[in-house]
Amino acid sequence: MRRSRIAAYVGSLLLTVGLALTGAASAQASQQAVTGGYVALGDSYSSGVGAGSYMSSSGDCDRSTKAYPYLWNAAHSPSSFDFTACSGARTDDVLANQLGPLNSGTSLVSITIGGNDAGFSDVMTTCVLQSDSTCLSRINTAKAYVDTTLPGKLDNLYSVIRSKAPSAHVVVIGYPRFYLLGQTCLGLSETKRSAINGAADYMDAAIAKVAANHGFTFGDVRTTFSGHEICSGSSWLHSVNWLDIGVSYHPTASGQSGGYLPVLTNAA
């Protein structure tokens, strides 16, 4: 009995020490991100389309003060902050236009990219306006691109990011599922909604795999958006907006602060 109590005490002590060390390591990692520079790359999910409060200086890139990179910067005050994410960006656009601020002093990089390469906008337009079978066919075309072409595009981009920012912790953030299934909801059929969710999962899996190959952290927002999909009654995503079509299927300000920001904060 005495040996058992001693063993239990030692085990508890080791656990306490382990948690303390883990906390210290996490704090150190967070401090590293704060003391170095932060560069936010990517597409409209990073620039903040759908969140409003766009900075006039960003032009058509629609960078929002309510986007998760801007919010993270305000909360952590890194030594420098460069927000180059741009609405509509594909991997080649990031390579050509967004990597200038990266350097040896960059300690944190965040990025969402790949959706536009795979034809996200055309997929959603097709599924909104066309039949179930046409929607599924367009999704299958997008998945084929994700299988054959997107990994190479991401691999090249991630390699260049690493070469330009050799010391940076890189957080690659994915895309949410768009619909809460099994609900009575105006709009697309359940068949289309299920297929669109499946396509988001397919995309995230491909992105996560390439990110892991480069030692980058994958931030999964499907968990934080759970219960806040379209048709949930508490959606953090815009449905089709015929008056402002560009915000359709993008995170709201709540989606940026409640869905994306916590994922970056935990990963950084």
Protein backbone atom coordinates (compact mmCIF):
# COMPACT_ATOMS: atom_id res chain seq x y z
CA MET A 1 0.00 0.00 0.00
CA ARG A 2 2.83 2.37 0.94
CA ARG A 3 4.68 1.65 -2.32
CA SER A 4 1.45 2.34 -4.20
CA ARG A 5 1.03 5.71 -2.47
CA ILE A 6 4.65 6.63 -3.21
CA ALA A 7 4.25 5.62 -6.84
CA ALA A 8 1.09 7.68 -7.10
CA TYR A 9 2.82 10.67 -5.53
CA VAL A 10 5.81 10.42 -7.85
CA GLY A 11 3.52 10.02 -10.85
CA SER A 12 1.55 13.09 -9.81
CA LEU A 13 4.75 15.06 -9.28
CA LEU A 14 6.10 14.11 -12.70
CA LEU A 15 2.79 15.05 -14.32
CA THR A 16 2.87 18.44 -12.61
CA VAL A 17 6.44 19.05 -13.73
CA GLY A 18 5.58 17.91 -17.23
CA LEU A 19 2.64 20.27 -17.45
CA ALA A 20 4.76 23.11 -16.14
CA LEU A 21 7.47 22.45 -18.69
CA THR A 22 4.88 22.15 -21.46
CA GLY A 23 3.39 25.46 -20.40
CA ALA A 24 6.82 27.04 -20.37
CA ALA A 25 7.57 25.68 -23.81
CA SER A 26 4.24 26.97 -25.13
CA ALA A 27 4.89 30.38 -23.61
CA GLN A 28 8.37 30.40 -25.12
CA ALA A 29 6.98 29.51 -28.56
CA SER A 30 4.33 32.21 -28.25
CA GLN A 31 6.96 34.73 -27.14
CA GLN A 32 9.08 33.82 -30.13
CA ALA A 33 6.18 34.66 -32.42
CA VAL A 34 5.63 37.95 -30.62
CA THR A 35 9.27 39.09 -30.63
CA GLY A 36 9.78 38.30 -34.32
CA GLY A 37 7.92 39.51 -37.37
CA TYR A 38 4.54 38.18 -38.51
CA VAL A 39 3.61 37.90 -42.19
CA ALA A 40 0.04 37.00 -43.20
CA LEU A 41 -0.26 35.47 -46.66
CA GLY A 42 -3.10 33.93 -48.60
CA ASP A 43 -6.46 34.36 -50.25
CA SER A 44 -9.80 35.95 -49.31
CA TYR A 45 -10.19 33.76 -46.22
CA SER A 46 -7.07 35.43 -44.83
CA SER A 47 -7.70 38.91 -46.21
CA GLY A 48 -11.11 38.92 -44.54
CA VAL A 49 -13.62 39.10 -47.39
CA GLY A 50 -17.06 38.92 -45.80
CA ALA A 51 -15.95 40.48 -42.51
CA GLY A 52 -16.36 44.12 -43.57
CA SER A 53 -14.20 47.04 -42.41
CA TYR A 54 -11.89 46.82 -45.42
CA MET A 55 -8.81 48.98 -45.47
CA SER A 56 -8.98 51.40 -48.40
CA SER A 57 -5.24 51.04 -48.91
CA SER A 58 -5.69 47.36 -49.76
CA GLY A 59 -7.73 48.07 -52.91
CA ASP A 60 -9.27 44.99 -54.51
CA CYS A 61 -7.43 42.73 -52.06
CA ASP A 62 -10.13 43.61 -49.48
CA ARG A 63 -7.99 43.30 -46.36
CA SER A 64 -10.16 43.69 -43.29
CA THR A 65 -9.39 45.00 -39.83
CA LYS A 66 -11.67 42.18 -38.65
CA ALA A 67 -9.66 39.45 -40.39
CA TYR A 68 -7.82 36.99 -38.16
CA PRO A 69 -4.28 38.19 -39.09
CA TYR A 70 -5.16 41.77 -38.11
CA LEU A 71 -6.78 40.59 -34.88
CA TRP A 72 -3.79 38.39 -33.98
CA ASN A 73 -1.40 41.27 -34.59
CA ALA A 74 -3.46 43.58 -32.37
CA ALA A 75 -3.47 41.03 -29.56
CA HIS A 76 0.22 40.06 -29.68
CA SER A 77 2.12 43.10 -31.00
CA PRO A 78 4.85 41.33 -32.98
CA SER A 79 7.95 43.32 -33.86
CA SER A 80 6.56 43.79 -37.37
CA PHE A 81 3.35 42.92 -39.19
CA ASP A 82 2.94 42.56 -42.94
CA PHE A 83 -0.55 41.75 -44.22
CA THR A 84 -0.24 40.77 -47.88
CA ALA A 85 -3.13 38.30 -48.23
CA CYS A 86 -5.38 39.20 -51.16
CA SER A 87 -8.86 38.31 -52.31
CA GLY A 88 -8.86 35.92 -55.26
CA ALA A 89 -5.24 34.84 -54.76
CA ARG A 90 -3.97 31.54 -56.09
CA THR A 91 -0.65 29.91 -55.30
CA ASP A 92 1.07 31.66 -58.23
CA ASP A 93 -0.26 35.03 -57.03
CA VAL A 94 1.22 34.46 -53.58
CA LEU A 95 4.56 33.63 -55.19
CA ALA A 96 4.49 36.69 -57.41
CA ASN A 97 3.02 39.33 -55.12
CA GLN A 98 2.99 38.44 -51.43
CA LEU A 99 6.36 37.11 -50.30
CA GLY A 100 8.35 40.37 -50.30
CA PRO A 101 8.21 40.92 -46.51
CA LEU A 102 9.57 37.45 -45.66
CA ASN A 103 13.10 37.44 -44.28
CA SER A 104 15.35 35.85 -41.67
CA GLY A 105 13.65 37.89 -38.94
CA THR A 106 10.19 36.54 -39.73
CA SER A 107 9.12 34.25 -36.90
CA LEU A 108 5.48 33.59 -37.82
CA VAL A 109 3.77 33.07 -41.17
CA SER A 110 0.11 32.24 -41.67
CA ILE A 111 -1.55 31.29 -44.95
CA THR A 112 -4.78 30.01 -46.45
CA ILE A 113 -4.40 29.05 -50.10
CA GLY A 114 -5.57 26.44 -52.60
CA GLY A 115 -9.29 27.06 -52.87
CA ASN A 116 -9.04 29.38 -55.85
CA ASP A 117 -6.56 27.07 -57.58
CA ALA A 118 -9.16 24.30 -57.39
CA GLY A 119 -11.90 26.56 -58.78
CA PHE A 120 -13.83 27.23 -55.58
CA SER A 121 -15.84 30.13 -57.00
CA ASP A 122 -16.88 28.21 -60.12
CA VAL A 123 -17.79 25.15 -58.04
CA MET A 124 -20.12 27.18 -55.84
CA THR A 125 -21.66 29.04 -58.80
CA THR A 126 -22.30 25.76 -60.57
CA CYS A 127 -23.85 24.17 -57.50
CA VAL A 128 -26.09 27.17 -56.81
CA LEU A 129 -27.36 27.51 -60.39
CA GLN A 130 -27.23 24.01 -61.84
CA SER A 131 -28.64 20.55 -61.13
CA ASP A 132 -27.41 18.07 -58.52
CA SER A 133 -25.65 15.99 -61.16
CA THR A 134 -23.92 19.01 -62.72
CA CYS A 135 -22.83 20.18 -59.26
CA LEU A 136 -21.37 16.78 -58.40
CA SER A 137 -19.60 16.60 -61.76
CA ARG A 138 -17.96 20.00 -61.18
CA ILE A 139 -16.90 18.94 -57.69
CA ASN A 140 -15.32 15.78 -59.11
CA THR A 141 -13.35 17.93 -61.57
CA ALA A 142 -12.10 20.03 -58.67
CA LYS A 143 -11.13 16.93 -56.71
CA ALA A 144 -9.17 15.65 -59.70
CA TYR A 145 -7.23 18.94 -59.70
CA VAL A 146 -6.58 18.53 -55.98
CA ASP A 147 -5.22 15.04 -56.69
CA THR A 148 -3.05 15.83 -59.71
CA THR A 149 -1.95 19.46 -59.63
CA LEU A 150 -2.52 21.22 -56.32
CA PRO A 151 0.06 19.26 -54.27
CA GLY A 152 2.85 20.32 -56.62
CA LYS A 153 1.72 23.95 -56.50
CA LEU A 154 1.65 23.92 -52.70
CA ASP A 155 4.96 22.08 -52.46
CA ASN A 156 6.68 24.71 -54.57
CA LEU A 157 5.10 27.61 -52.67
CA TYR A 158 5.92 26.15 -49.26
CA SER A 159 9.52 25.55 -50.32
CA VAL A 160 9.91 29.18 -51.36
CA ILE A 161 8.34 30.40 -48.10
CA ARG A 162 10.82 28.30 -46.12
CA SER A 163 13.78 29.53 -48.16
CA LYS A 164 12.81 33.18 -47.61
CA ALA A 165 11.88 32.78 -43.92
CA PRO A 166 14.16 29.98 -42.66
CA SER A 167 13.37 30.54 -38.96
CA ALA A 168 9.63 31.09 -39.22
CA HIS A 169 6.93 28.96 -37.68
CA VAL A 170 4.51 28.49 -40.59
CA VAL A 171 0.81 27.89 -39.90
CA VAL A 172 -1.17 26.65 -42.88
CA ILE A 173 -4.87 27.08 -42.13
CA GLY A 174 -7.60 25.15 -43.91
CA TYR A 175 -11.19 25.78 -44.91
CA PRO A 176 -14.40 25.09 -42.97
CA ARG A 177 -17.24 22.79 -43.90
CA PHE A 178 -19.96 25.01 -45.27
CA TYR A 179 -23.19 23.30 -44.25
CA LEU A 180 -24.74 21.73 -41.20
CA LEU A 181 -26.45 18.70 -42.69
CA GLY A 182 -29.78 17.16 -41.76
CA GLN A 183 -31.46 20.53 -41.23
CA THR A 184 -34.48 22.08 -42.91
CA CYS A 185 -32.82 24.92 -44.78
CA LEU A 186 -33.70 26.96 -47.83
CA GLY A 187 -31.28 26.83 -50.72
CA LEU A 188 -29.23 23.92 -52.00
CA SER A 189 -30.35 20.31 -51.84
CA GLU A 190 -28.95 18.00 -49.18
CA THR A 191 -27.11 16.16 -51.97
CA LYS A 192 -25.28 19.32 -52.98
CA ARG A 193 -24.57 20.36 -49.39
CA SER A 194 -23.10 16.98 -48.53
CA ALA A 195 -20.92 16.98 -51.66
CA ILE A 196 -19.65 20.50 -50.96
CA ASN A 197 -18.74 19.53 -47.39
CA GLY A 198 -16.96 16.47 -48.74
CA ALA A 199 -15.01 18.64 -51.15
CA ALA A 200 -13.90 20.89 -48.28
CA ASP A 201 -12.68 17.82 -46.37
CA TYR A 202 -10.88 16.61 -49.49
CA MET A 203 -9.13 19.95 -49.91
CA ASP A 204 -8.14 20.16 -46.24
CA ALA A 205 -6.68 16.66 -46.31
CA ALA A 206 -4.52 17.48 -49.33
CA ILE A 207 -3.32 20.79 -47.87
CA ALA A 208 -2.57 19.21 -44.48
CA LYS A 209 -0.49 16.47 -46.09
CA VAL A 210 1.77 18.85 -48.01
CA ALA A 211 2.07 21.13 -44.97
CA ALA A 212 3.20 18.18 -42.85
CA ASN A 213 5.79 17.23 -45.46
CA HIS A 214 7.37 20.66 -44.94
CA GLY A 215 7.16 20.55 -41.16
CA PHE A 216 4.49 23.26 -41.16
CA THR A 217 1.57 23.30 -38.72
CA PHE A 218 -1.90 22.69 -40.16
CA GLY A 219 -4.67 24.66 -38.49
CA ASP A 220 -8.02 22.88 -38.79
CA VAL A 221 -10.94 25.32 -38.56
CA ARG A 222 -13.59 22.65 -39.06
CA THR A 223 -13.61 22.13 -35.30
CA THR A 224 -14.11 25.80 -34.41
CA PHE A 225 -16.78 26.26 -37.09
CA SER A 226 -18.67 23.18 -35.92
CA GLY A 227 -22.20 24.29 -35.06
CA HIS A 228 -21.73 27.54 -36.96
CA GLU A 229 -22.10 26.28 -40.52
CA ILE A 230 -24.74 27.56 -42.93
CA CYS A 231 -28.16 26.14 -41.90
CA SER A 232 -27.07 26.03 -38.24
CA GLY A 233 -29.10 29.03 -37.17
CA SER A 234 -25.87 30.58 -35.86
CA SER A 235 -23.81 30.69 -39.02
CA TRP A 236 -20.35 32.21 -39.17
CA LEU A 237 -20.42 31.92 -42.96
CA HIS A 238 -22.32 33.98 -45.52
CA SER A 239 -24.73 32.05 -47.68
CA VAL A 240 -25.42 33.26 -51.23
CA ASN A 241 -25.70 37.04 -51.18
CA TRP A 242 -27.11 38.22 -54.48
CA LEU A 243 -26.58 41.89 -53.51
CA ASP A 244 -22.88 41.34 -52.77
CA ILE A 245 -21.99 38.08 -54.46
CA GLY A 246 -18.31 38.32 -53.52
CA VAL A 247 -18.97 37.69 -49.81
CA SER A 248 -20.92 34.49 -50.47
CA TYR A 249 -19.46 31.45 -48.69
CA HIS A 250 -16.91 33.54 -46.81
CA PRO A 251 -16.55 33.91 -43.03
CA THR A 252 -18.38 36.72 -41.28
CA ALA A 253 -16.57 38.89 -38.73
CA SER A 254 -17.63 36.31 -36.13
CA GLY A 255 -16.17 33.56 -38.30
CA GLN A 256 -12.85 35.38 -38.39
CA SER A 257 -12.73 36.08 -34.64
CA GLY A 258 -14.39 32.88 -33.42
CA GLY A 259 -13.40 30.41 -36.14
CA TYR A 260 -10.01 31.41 -37.53
CA LEU A 261 -8.34 33.50 -34.82
CA PRO A 262 -8.38 30.78 -32.11
CA VAL A 263 -6.84 28.28 -34.52
CA LEU A 264 -3.95 30.61 -35.34
CA THR A 265 -3.53 31.56 -31.68
CA ASN A 266 -3.30 27.92 -30.60
CA ALA A 267 -0.98 26.99 -33.45
CA ALA A 268 1.33 29.98 -33.17
